[in-house]
Amino acid sequence: MIIIPARLASSRFPNKILANIGGYPMVIATANRVKELDKVAIATDSSEVFNLVKDYGYEAVMTSSKHKSGTDRINEAANKLALKDDEIIINVQADEPLIEPEVVKAVMERVKDKECFIASCYKPIDKSFATDPNHVKVITDANGYAIYFSRSKIPYDRNEHNSYYGHLGIYGFRKKSLNEFCSLPTSPLEDIEKLEQLRAIYHGKKIAMVQVESESFGVDTKEDLQRVLARV
C-alpha cells in the first residue's frame, strides 16, 4: 500500500499541499501519479484535507496532530487500516507532485531485500543542489546502504570535482519494521539535521538505497512551486 502523509502546517510553506498543480491540489496531484502502482491512502490531521481526499475518491485516514514526522503519521494510519506485519508500505511525500511511478516501483522492489529495514532512493545532483540545505544529500557504502544523510554538502570534496547524490523522500517499509522504527527513541542527529531517517542509522538499522533517474523534487518553498508549475 502507498500511504501519503499530508499535513497543512508546514513551517517553511504552510498549506503547500493544497497548491494548484495542473488543476488538482498538490496532494491529489501526487496521489494521481502513483495510483496505478498500488492502493493509495492519505493520512492527515486536517478535516479540510480529509474531506478533500474523500471528494477525489481516495481513502482518507484521520491521524493525530501531535506527530513529529510523516513516518509516525503513516504508522498510525497503517495500524488503523489493520495492515499485516509483512505488508509493504510505501511512504510518498505529499509535496512530490512530479514523482515518477518508476521511482516508487524501484523502492517497492528494494524493500524486499532481507537485510533492509527501510528502503529509499537517490539521484545524482549538481553542485547547486548540493549546497542547498532544502535538498538532502546521502552517501552510501559499497553495498548500497546509506551511511549518512545531511542538509550539508556531503562528502566534503577538497578538489571540488566529486559527484553528489540527492535523497528523494520516498520510503519503503514492511509493516513490522515501520512499527519498530516509530518505537525507537529520537536520536540527537535527527534533532540536529531535522531528518527523521537518521533515527534508523543512529540505532544501527540498515537503510537500503537504490539509484534512480528522476526529475522530481520536494516542494519546500514558493520558489520550488514555481519550478513545478513550469513543468506541468
Protein backbone atom coordinates (compact mmCIF):
# COMPACT_ATOMS: atom_id res chain seq x y z
CA MET A 1 0.00 0.00 0.00
CA ILE A 2 1.07 3.58 -0.68
CA ILE A 3 0.37 5.97 2.19
CA ILE A 4 0.80 9.71 1.71
CA PRO A 5 1.22 11.78 4.89
CA ALA A 6 -0.47 15.14 4.40
CA ARG A 7 -0.32 17.96 6.92
CA LEU A 8 -1.07 21.62 6.34
CA ALA A 9 1.22 23.14 8.97
CA SER A 10 4.50 23.17 7.07
CA SER A 11 6.84 25.63 8.77
CA ARG A 12 8.52 26.76 5.54
CA PHE A 13 5.47 26.83 3.25
CA PRO A 14 2.10 26.50 5.05
CA ASN A 15 -0.77 24.89 3.11
CA LYS A 16 1.58 23.98 0.25
CA ILE A 17 -0.11 20.61 -0.29
CA LEU A 18 -3.26 22.45 -1.41
CA ALA A 19 -1.44 24.49 -4.07
CA ASN A 20 -2.94 24.07 -7.55
CA ILE A 21 -0.89 21.71 -9.73
CA GLY A 22 -2.41 21.28 -13.16
CA GLY A 23 -5.93 21.70 -11.82
CA TYR A 24 -5.51 19.49 -8.74
CA PRO A 25 -4.46 20.21 -5.15
CA MET A 26 -0.84 19.15 -4.77
CA VAL A 27 -1.62 16.17 -2.53
CA ILE A 28 -4.11 14.84 -5.10
CA ALA A 29 -1.72 15.50 -7.99
CA THR A 30 0.87 13.41 -6.14
CA ALA A 31 -1.64 10.60 -5.48
CA ASN A 32 -2.64 10.59 -9.15
CA ARG A 33 0.98 9.94 -10.14
CA VAL A 34 1.19 6.68 -8.19
CA LYS A 35 -2.38 5.34 -8.10
CA GLU A 36 -1.74 2.68 -10.75
CA LEU A 37 1.01 1.03 -8.67
CA ASP A 38 -0.97 0.07 -5.58
CA LYS A 39 -3.84 1.10 -3.38
CA VAL A 40 -3.37 4.66 -2.08
CA ALA A 41 -4.41 6.11 1.29
CA ILE A 42 -3.80 9.65 2.50
CA ALA A 43 -3.11 10.21 6.21
CA THR A 44 -3.86 13.65 7.59
CA ASP A 45 -4.63 15.59 10.76
CA SER A 46 -6.79 18.12 8.92
CA SER A 47 -10.53 17.78 8.43
CA GLU A 48 -10.19 20.02 5.36
CA VAL A 49 -7.70 17.65 3.76
CA PHE A 50 -9.68 14.59 4.90
CA ASN A 51 -12.83 15.83 3.15
CA LEU A 52 -10.88 16.91 0.08
CA VAL A 53 -9.33 13.47 -0.26
CA LYS A 54 -12.71 11.77 0.03
CA ASP A 55 -14.13 14.11 -2.62
CA TYR A 56 -11.45 12.92 -5.05
CA GLY A 57 -12.22 9.27 -4.32
CA TYR A 58 -9.14 8.35 -2.31
CA GLU A 59 -9.10 6.62 1.06
CA ALA A 60 -8.50 9.12 3.86
CA VAL A 61 -7.28 8.31 7.37
CA MET A 62 -7.58 10.87 10.18
CA THR A 63 -4.48 10.87 12.39
CA SER A 64 -3.18 12.73 15.41
CA SER A 65 -1.98 16.33 15.14
CA LYS A 66 0.87 15.55 17.55
CA HIS A 67 3.09 13.56 15.18
CA LYS A 68 6.60 14.94 14.67
CA SER A 69 7.16 13.16 11.36
CA GLY A 70 5.37 11.83 8.32
CA THR A 71 6.55 8.33 9.16
CA ASP A 72 4.86 8.47 12.56
CA ARG A 73 1.70 9.60 10.77
CA ILE A 74 1.69 6.75 8.25
CA ASN A 75 2.39 4.29 11.05
CA GLU A 76 -0.79 5.36 12.81
CA ALA A 77 -2.66 5.08 9.51
CA ALA A 78 -1.24 1.61 8.84
CA ASN A 79 -2.37 0.46 12.28
CA LYS A 80 -5.84 1.92 11.79
CA LEU A 81 -6.05 0.13 8.44
CA ALA A 82 -5.06 -3.13 10.20
CA LEU A 83 -2.35 -3.96 7.64
CA LYS A 84 -0.44 -7.21 8.13
CA ASP A 85 3.12 -7.25 9.51
CA ASP A 86 4.64 -8.34 6.19
CA GLU A 87 2.72 -5.80 4.07
CA ILE A 88 4.94 -3.46 2.06
CA ILE A 89 4.13 0.18 2.79
CA ILE A 90 5.49 3.00 0.68
CA ASN A 91 5.63 6.50 2.13
CA VAL A 92 5.31 9.03 -0.70
CA GLN A 93 5.54 12.66 0.36
CA ALA A 94 2.53 14.85 -0.46
CA ASP A 95 4.83 17.56 -1.83
CA GLU A 96 6.25 15.42 -4.69
CA PRO A 97 3.74 16.15 -7.50
CA LEU A 98 6.29 15.26 -10.20
CA ILE A 99 7.24 11.87 -8.77
CA GLU A 100 7.64 9.21 -11.42
CA PRO A 101 5.85 5.87 -10.89
CA GLU A 102 9.07 4.06 -11.92
CA VAL A 103 10.87 5.59 -8.95
CA VAL A 104 8.25 4.40 -6.48
CA LYS A 105 8.31 0.95 -8.06
CA ALA A 106 12.09 0.78 -7.62
CA VAL A 107 11.69 1.44 -3.89
CA MET A 108 8.98 -1.25 -3.73
CA GLU A 109 11.48 -3.74 -5.15
CA ARG A 110 14.35 -2.60 -2.91
CA VAL A 111 12.39 -3.10 0.30
CA LYS A 112 12.19 -6.83 -0.50
CA ASP A 113 15.89 -7.12 0.43
CA LYS A 114 16.08 -9.35 3.54
CA GLU A 115 18.75 -7.10 5.11
CA CYS A 116 16.63 -4.00 4.57
CA PHE A 117 14.98 -2.21 7.50
CA ILE A 118 13.94 0.76 5.35
CA ALA A 119 14.32 1.32 1.60
CA SER A 120 14.70 4.65 -0.15
CA CYS A 121 16.24 6.20 -3.25
CA TYR A 122 18.58 8.87 -4.55
CA LYS A 123 19.70 10.53 -7.75
CA PRO A 124 22.81 12.36 -8.95
CA ILE A 125 22.61 16.12 -8.43
CA ASP A 126 24.78 19.06 -9.44
CA LYS A 127 26.72 21.33 -7.10
CA SER A 128 23.98 23.98 -6.97
CA PHE A 129 21.61 21.46 -5.41
CA ALA A 130 24.36 20.03 -3.21
CA THR A 131 24.83 23.38 -1.47
CA ASP A 132 21.10 23.94 -0.88
CA PRO A 133 20.07 22.81 2.64
CA ASN A 134 16.49 22.23 1.44
CA HIS A 135 17.79 19.37 -0.71
CA VAL A 136 19.01 16.44 1.37
CA LYS A 137 22.17 14.61 0.36
CA VAL A 138 23.12 10.97 1.01
CA ILE A 139 26.27 8.86 0.89
CA THR A 140 26.20 5.06 0.67
CA ASP A 141 28.51 2.12 1.29
CA ALA A 142 29.73 -0.42 -1.27
CA ASN A 143 26.57 -2.50 -0.87
CA GLY A 144 24.14 0.36 -1.42
CA TYR A 145 23.20 1.04 2.19
CA ALA A 146 23.05 4.59 3.49
CA ILE A 147 25.97 5.79 5.61
CA TYR A 148 24.62 9.27 6.32
CA PHE A 149 22.10 11.88 5.21
CA SER A 150 22.68 15.60 5.57
CA ARG A 151 21.44 19.03 4.59
CA SER A 152 25.11 19.94 4.18
CA LYS A 153 27.14 19.06 1.09
CA ILE A 154 28.48 15.56 1.66
CA PRO A 155 31.04 14.23 1.19
CA TYR A 156 33.29 17.25 1.60
CA ASP A 157 35.42 17.39 -1.54
CA ARG A 158 38.67 19.32 -1.23
CA ASN A 159 39.17 19.21 -5.01
CA GLU A 160 35.57 20.16 -5.89
CA HIS A 161 35.06 17.51 -8.55
CA ASN A 162 33.09 14.90 -6.63
CA SER A 163 29.65 13.56 -7.52
CA TYR A 164 26.77 14.34 -5.18
CA TYR A 165 23.60 12.38 -4.58
CA GLY A 166 20.26 13.89 -3.64
CA HIS A 167 17.86 11.93 -1.48
CA LEU A 168 14.27 11.56 -2.63
CA GLY A 169 11.88 11.41 0.32
CA ILE A 170 10.25 8.11 -0.57
CA TYR A 171 10.50 5.29 1.97
CA GLY A 172 9.59 1.62 1.84
CA PHE A 173 8.87 -0.47 4.93
CA ARG A 174 7.41 -3.75 5.96
CA LYS A 175 4.61 -3.01 8.41
CA LYS A 176 6.63 -4.67 11.20
CA SER A 177 9.71 -2.50 10.59
CA LEU A 178 7.55 0.62 10.34
CA ASN A 179 6.16 -0.10 13.81
CA GLU A 180 9.67 -0.73 15.13
CA PHE A 181 11.06 2.46 13.60
CA CYS A 182 8.37 4.55 15.25
CA SER A 183 9.11 2.93 18.62
CA LEU A 184 12.80 3.89 18.50
CA PRO A 185 13.90 6.86 20.61
CA THR A 186 14.51 10.09 18.71
CA SER A 187 18.23 10.49 18.02
CA PRO A 188 20.45 13.55 18.56
CA LEU A 189 21.41 13.57 14.87
CA GLU A 190 17.75 13.57 13.86
CA ASP A 191 17.14 16.62 16.02
CA ILE A 192 20.19 18.46 14.69
CA GLU A 193 19.57 17.87 10.97
CA LYS A 194 15.76 17.63 11.22
CA LEU A 195 15.93 14.39 9.21
CA GLU A 196 13.95 11.50 10.64
CA GLN A 197 15.82 8.82 8.67
CA LEU A 198 18.89 9.49 10.82
CA ARG A 199 17.00 7.83 13.69
CA ALA A 200 17.36 4.48 11.95
CA ILE A 201 21.08 4.92 11.25
CA TYR A 202 21.75 6.08 14.80
CA HIS A 203 20.17 2.89 16.15
CA GLY A 204 22.12 0.64 13.75
CA LYS A 205 19.34 -0.11 11.27
CA LYS A 206 20.04 -0.56 7.56
CA ILE A 207 18.54 1.80 5.00
CA ALA A 208 18.79 0.17 1.58
CA MET A 209 19.16 2.74 -1.20
CA VAL A 210 18.51 2.48 -4.92
CA GLN A 211 19.74 4.93 -7.54
CA VAL A 212 17.02 6.23 -9.83
CA GLU A 213 16.56 8.67 -12.67
CA SER A 214 14.14 11.40 -11.69
CA GLU A 215 13.22 14.99 -12.41
CA SER A 216 11.14 15.15 -9.24
CA PHE A 217 11.87 17.23 -6.16
CA GLY A 218 10.05 18.13 -2.98
CA VAL A 219 8.24 21.45 -2.85
CA ASP A 220 9.71 23.16 0.23
CA THR A 221 9.45 26.80 -0.84
CA LYS A 222 7.37 29.04 -3.08
CA GLU A 223 10.30 29.08 -5.49
CA ASP A 224 10.10 25.27 -5.69
CA LEU A 225 6.40 25.59 -6.52
CA GLN A 226 7.17 27.88 -9.40
CA ARG A 227 9.67 25.34 -10.72
CA VAL A 228 7.00 22.63 -10.59
CA LEU A 229 4.42 24.82 -12.32
CA ALA A 230 6.87 25.49 -15.13
CA ARG A 231 6.90 21.74 -15.85
CA VAL A 232 3.19 20.88 -15.81
